[in-house]
Amino acid sequence: MPERRPRLEGKVAIVTGAGSRGPGVGNGKATAVLFAREGARVVLVDHVAARAEETQAMIREEGGESLVCVADVTREAEARRVVATTVAHYGRLDILHNNVGFGLPGSVLEVSEADWDRIMAVNLKGILFCSKYAIPEMIRGGGGAIINVASVAGMRGHGLVAYAAAKGGVIALTRTMAVQHGKDNIRVNCIAPGPVYTPLVAAGMTPEQREARRLSVPLEREGTAWDVAWAAVYLASDEARWVTGVVLPVDGGLTATTRQRYR
């Protein structure tokens, strides 16, 4: 059999939230590493330089190519700068992976106005602004792929009300963008991770809570950032050329049923 060509060979990708908050590998870092492993040149965006540089070191060790770009993509001018830097350095833009997000616990009775506004900004503004400036560049290049990271929290009842509302917004934004820009040969899809274990969720989680999360899914095994990243590789690749407007749960079967409550 002929040797398999890298699935993203020749493509240029932006990954936001490309660093990890603490030891280990988060969704953005794993996605950036796999994109580079599959032949893409990757712009690593994070608001903390050291986090992006750790990801760059992993990519460099494997012989991949990447560029660190420190930015807060919830600010429109900085999102515009990220896209401009990418095109200036690599000459094109094919893939945008919008990975920035976070949440805080609380019901509608408990969430503060400040926390609500912050969660909406982090989870939605970065997608809006990065996409706003990426899409014209993709059109100039003949098309592209945008992957937004939502959560199963946006698809079912969840204990983090503001986060759930924001991730539901990510899903709606994804579908609307897919419809509006299909004519431009731009595919827009969404990944909805379930209870994957990453540095972001590890802080403060007890071993008992972690085990309960594992047992909450039908597959009864723990998901990792690499599971989310492989889904991103597929959606970014030409293998998904006829896939747009979808929400792809990466959740061990959680959205199909609930075996027991998890936190």
Protein backbone atom coordinates (compact mmCIF):
# COMPACT_ATOMS: atom_id res chain seq x y z
CA MET A 1 0.00 0.00 0.00
CA PRO A 2 1.22 3.55 -0.67
CA GLU A 3 2.40 5.55 2.33
CA ARG A 4 -0.36 7.69 3.81
CA ARG A 5 0.02 11.41 3.24
CA PRO A 6 -0.50 13.70 6.23
CA ARG A 7 -4.19 14.62 6.40
CA LEU A 8 -3.56 18.38 6.75
CA GLU A 9 -0.52 18.63 4.49
CA GLY A 10 0.02 22.14 3.11
CA LYS A 11 -2.65 23.74 5.31
CA VAL A 12 -2.27 26.65 7.73
CA ALA A 13 -4.21 26.51 10.98
CA ILE A 14 -4.94 28.83 13.89
CA VAL A 15 -5.62 27.17 17.24
CA THR A 16 -6.86 29.45 20.01
CA GLY A 17 -6.34 28.39 23.59
CA ALA A 18 -3.36 26.39 22.39
CA GLY A 19 -1.74 26.14 25.81
CA SER A 20 -2.73 24.15 28.89
CA ARG A 21 -3.71 25.57 32.27
CA GLY A 22 -1.38 23.47 34.35
CA PRO A 23 0.59 20.25 33.87
CA GLY A 24 -0.67 17.91 31.21
CA VAL A 25 -2.37 18.25 27.85
CA GLY A 26 -5.58 20.21 27.33
CA ASN A 27 -7.84 20.22 24.29
CA GLY A 28 -6.10 23.11 22.54
CA LYS A 29 -2.60 21.75 23.06
CA ALA A 30 -3.57 18.27 21.86
CA THR A 31 -5.30 19.69 18.79
CA ALA A 32 -2.34 21.88 17.88
CA VAL A 33 0.07 18.95 18.21
CA LEU A 34 -2.07 16.65 16.05
CA PHE A 35 -2.62 19.37 13.43
CA ALA A 36 1.16 19.78 13.16
CA ARG A 37 1.68 16.02 13.17
CA GLU A 38 -0.74 15.80 10.24
CA GLY A 39 1.24 18.35 8.21
CA ALA A 40 -0.31 21.72 9.08
CA ARG A 41 1.64 24.82 10.00
CA VAL A 42 0.02 25.96 13.22
CA VAL A 43 -0.35 29.38 14.82
CA LEU A 44 -0.55 28.83 18.57
CA VAL A 45 -2.71 31.49 20.22
CA ASP A 46 -2.87 31.93 23.98
CA HIS A 47 -3.02 34.91 26.30
CA VAL A 48 -0.14 33.41 28.33
CA ALA A 49 3.06 33.12 26.29
CA ALA A 50 4.59 30.31 28.37
CA ARG A 51 1.59 28.04 27.73
CA ALA A 52 1.80 28.43 23.97
CA GLU A 53 5.57 27.99 24.08
CA GLU A 54 5.16 24.63 25.84
CA THR A 55 2.95 23.49 22.98
CA GLN A 56 5.44 24.82 20.45
CA ALA A 57 8.20 22.80 22.13
CA MET A 58 6.15 19.61 21.76
CA ILE A 59 5.56 20.35 18.08
CA ARG A 60 9.22 21.18 17.50
CA GLU A 61 10.32 17.90 19.09
CA GLU A 62 8.27 16.06 16.46
CA GLY A 63 9.67 18.13 13.59
CA GLY A 64 6.53 20.20 13.08
CA GLU A 65 6.20 23.90 12.33
CA SER A 66 4.39 26.44 14.48
CA LEU A 67 4.29 30.08 15.46
CA VAL A 68 3.39 31.53 18.87
CA CYS A 69 0.99 34.46 18.92
CA VAL A 70 0.12 35.94 22.32
CA ALA A 71 -3.36 37.47 22.28
CA ASP A 72 -6.66 37.84 24.09
CA VAL A 73 -9.09 36.92 21.31
CA THR A 74 -12.07 38.29 23.23
CA ARG A 75 -10.77 41.68 22.09
CA GLU A 76 -11.57 42.39 18.47
CA ALA A 77 -8.32 44.19 17.66
CA GLU A 78 -6.27 41.28 18.99
CA ALA A 79 -8.28 38.69 17.07
CA ARG A 80 -7.73 40.75 13.93
CA ARG A 81 -3.99 40.85 14.71
CA VAL A 82 -3.86 37.06 15.08
CA VAL A 83 -5.31 36.55 11.61
CA ALA A 84 -3.13 39.27 10.09
CA THR A 85 -0.01 37.76 11.68
CA THR A 86 -0.91 34.32 10.35
CA VAL A 87 -1.37 35.52 6.78
CA ALA A 88 1.74 37.70 6.90
CA HIS A 89 3.85 34.78 8.13
CA TYR A 90 2.40 31.85 6.17
CA GLY A 91 0.61 33.55 3.28
CA ARG A 92 -2.80 31.94 3.79
CA LEU A 93 -5.30 30.56 6.30
CA ASP A 94 -7.16 27.26 5.88
CA ILE A 95 -8.29 26.19 9.36
CA LEU A 96 -9.56 28.06 12.41
CA HIS A 97 -9.98 26.05 15.61
CA ASN A 98 -11.83 28.12 18.23
CA ASN A 99 -11.03 26.46 21.53
CA VAL A 100 -11.14 29.21 24.17
CA GLY A 101 -13.70 28.71 26.91
CA PHE A 102 -14.35 28.40 30.63
CA GLY A 103 -17.21 28.22 33.12
CA LEU A 104 -18.14 28.80 36.73
CA PRO A 105 -20.67 26.92 38.88
CA GLY A 106 -24.01 28.37 39.82
CA SER A 107 -27.70 28.49 39.01
CA VAL A 108 -29.62 31.54 37.78
CA LEU A 109 -30.15 32.35 41.46
CA GLU A 110 -26.43 32.42 42.13
CA VAL A 111 -24.60 33.73 39.05
CA SER A 112 -23.49 37.35 39.23
CA GLU A 113 -23.81 39.82 36.39
CA ALA A 114 -20.02 40.15 36.19
CA ASP A 115 -19.50 36.39 35.96
CA TRP A 116 -22.28 36.04 33.38
CA ASP A 117 -20.76 38.74 31.18
CA ARG A 118 -17.26 37.26 31.49
CA ILE A 119 -18.39 33.74 30.61
CA MET A 120 -20.34 34.98 27.59
CA ALA A 121 -17.37 37.03 26.43
CA VAL A 122 -14.80 34.26 26.74
CA ASN A 123 -16.93 31.53 25.18
CA LEU A 124 -18.54 33.53 22.37
CA LYS A 125 -16.60 36.69 21.57
CA GLY A 126 -13.43 34.89 20.60
CA ILE A 127 -15.31 32.76 18.07
CA LEU A 128 -17.10 35.81 16.71
CA PHE A 129 -14.02 37.98 16.30
CA CYS A 130 -11.62 35.31 15.04
CA SER A 131 -14.17 34.09 12.52
CA LYS A 132 -14.94 37.65 11.42
CA TYR A 133 -11.36 38.14 10.24
CA ALA A 134 -10.54 34.54 9.27
CA ILE A 135 -13.44 34.10 6.85
CA PRO A 136 -12.34 36.77 4.33
CA GLU A 137 -8.88 35.19 4.22
CA MET A 138 -10.36 31.74 3.70
CA ILE A 139 -12.53 33.08 0.90
CA ARG A 140 -9.44 34.51 -0.78
CA GLY A 141 -7.79 31.09 -0.51
CA GLY A 142 -10.76 29.24 -1.98
CA GLY A 143 -12.36 27.99 1.25
CA GLY A 144 -11.58 26.59 4.63
CA ALA A 145 -12.75 24.89 7.79
CA ILE A 146 -13.79 26.35 11.14
CA ILE A 147 -14.17 24.16 14.20
CA ASN A 148 -15.79 25.58 17.33
CA VAL A 149 -15.49 23.82 20.68
CA ALA A 150 -18.77 23.77 22.60
CA SER A 151 -19.73 21.22 25.28
CA VAL A 152 -22.39 18.68 26.04
CA ALA A 153 -23.44 21.30 28.61
CA GLY A 154 -24.98 23.19 25.70
CA MET A 155 -27.07 20.15 24.73
CA ARG A 156 -28.52 18.96 28.05
CA GLY A 157 -29.17 20.09 31.62
CA HIS A 158 -26.00 21.09 33.42
CA GLY A 159 -24.97 22.58 36.75
CA LEU A 160 -23.15 25.57 35.29
CA VAL A 161 -25.97 27.73 33.98
CA ALA A 162 -23.94 30.53 32.38
CA TYR A 163 -21.50 28.08 30.80
CA ALA A 164 -24.37 25.95 29.48
CA ALA A 165 -26.04 29.03 27.97
CA ALA A 166 -22.78 30.13 26.36
CA LYS A 167 -22.06 26.70 24.88
CA GLY A 168 -25.60 26.53 23.55
CA GLY A 169 -24.79 29.83 21.89
CA VAL A 170 -21.66 28.30 20.36
CA ILE A 171 -23.80 25.56 18.81
CA ALA A 172 -26.29 28.06 17.38
CA LEU A 173 -23.49 30.27 16.09
CA THR A 174 -21.84 27.29 14.42
CA ARG A 175 -24.97 26.27 12.55
CA THR A 176 -25.72 29.81 11.42
CA MET A 177 -22.17 30.37 10.17
CA ALA A 178 -22.29 27.06 8.32
CA VAL A 179 -25.43 28.12 6.47
CA GLN A 180 -24.20 31.63 5.72
CA HIS A 181 -20.75 30.63 4.45
CA GLY A 182 -21.36 27.32 2.71
CA LYS A 183 -21.48 29.27 -0.55
CA ASP A 184 -17.93 30.42 0.20
CA ASN A 185 -16.71 26.81 0.47
CA ILE A 186 -16.21 27.28 4.20
CA ARG A 187 -17.30 24.42 6.45
CA VAL A 188 -18.22 25.26 10.05
CA ASN A 189 -18.64 22.47 12.59
CA CYS A 190 -18.73 22.05 16.33
CA ILE A 191 -17.24 19.58 18.79
CA ALA A 192 -19.13 19.00 22.05
CA PRO A 193 -16.78 17.34 24.53
CA GLY A 194 -18.18 15.40 27.44
CA PRO A 195 -16.45 14.87 30.80
CA VAL A 196 -12.90 14.59 29.45
CA TYR A 197 -10.10 14.82 31.98
CA THR A 198 -7.83 17.79 31.25
CA PRO A 199 -5.70 20.21 33.30
CA LEU A 200 -8.60 22.68 33.27
CA VAL A 201 -10.91 20.32 35.19
CA ALA A 202 -8.26 18.49 37.22
CA ALA A 203 -7.67 21.27 39.73
CA GLY A 204 -9.66 20.59 42.88
CA MET A 205 -11.22 17.35 41.62
CA THR A 206 -11.12 14.49 44.09
CA PRO A 207 -10.30 10.93 43.03
CA GLU A 208 -13.90 9.99 43.88
CA GLN A 209 -15.30 12.71 41.59
CA ARG A 210 -12.98 11.64 38.80
CA GLU A 211 -14.12 8.02 39.12
CA ALA A 212 -17.77 9.08 39.12
CA ARG A 213 -17.20 10.98 35.87
CA ARG A 214 -15.61 7.90 34.31
CA LEU A 215 -18.55 5.73 35.29
CA SER A 216 -21.09 8.29 34.08
CA VAL A 217 -20.51 7.37 30.43
CA PRO A 218 -21.56 4.11 28.74
CA LEU A 219 -18.02 3.33 27.59
CA GLU A 220 -16.86 3.44 31.23
CA ARG A 221 -13.48 4.84 30.30
CA GLU A 222 -12.08 8.30 30.76
CA GLY A 223 -11.91 10.67 27.83
CA THR A 224 -8.82 12.79 27.21
CA ALA A 225 -7.87 15.85 25.21
CA TRP A 226 -6.52 13.55 22.49
CA ASP A 227 -10.03 12.21 21.86
CA VAL A 228 -11.25 15.75 21.23
CA ALA A 229 -8.21 16.54 19.10
CA TRP A 230 -8.70 13.57 16.77
CA ALA A 231 -12.26 14.73 16.12
CA ALA A 232 -10.85 18.15 15.25
CA VAL A 233 -8.38 16.59 12.81
CA TYR A 234 -11.22 14.87 10.98
CA LEU A 235 -13.38 18.00 10.78
CA ALA A 236 -10.42 20.08 9.59
CA SER A 237 -9.40 17.57 6.91
CA ASP A 238 -10.65 17.09 3.38
CA GLU A 239 -12.14 13.78 4.55
CA ALA A 240 -14.95 15.94 5.99
CA ARG A 241 -15.43 17.86 2.74
CA TRP A 242 -19.22 17.26 2.79
CA VAL A 243 -19.71 17.80 6.51
CA THR A 244 -20.85 21.19 7.78
CA GLY A 245 -23.19 22.52 10.44
CA VAL A 246 -22.84 19.43 12.62
CA VAL A 247 -22.41 19.10 16.38
CA LEU A 248 -20.14 16.14 17.09
CA PRO A 249 -20.34 14.89 20.69
CA VAL A 250 -17.07 13.40 21.94
CA ASP A 251 -18.49 12.10 25.17
CA GLY A 252 -18.22 8.34 25.57
CA GLY A 253 -21.95 8.08 24.90
CA LEU A 254 -23.05 10.47 27.66
CA THR A 255 -25.61 12.29 25.54
CA ALA A 256 -27.19 9.00 24.56
CA THR A 257 -28.05 8.18 28.17
CA THR A 258 -27.12 8.99 31.76
CA ARG A 259 -25.90 6.16 33.90
CA GLN A 260 -25.35 8.20 37.05
CA ARG A 261 -24.92 11.80 38.00
CA TYR A 262 -21.46 13.32 37.56
CA ARG A 263 -19.89 16.62 38.52
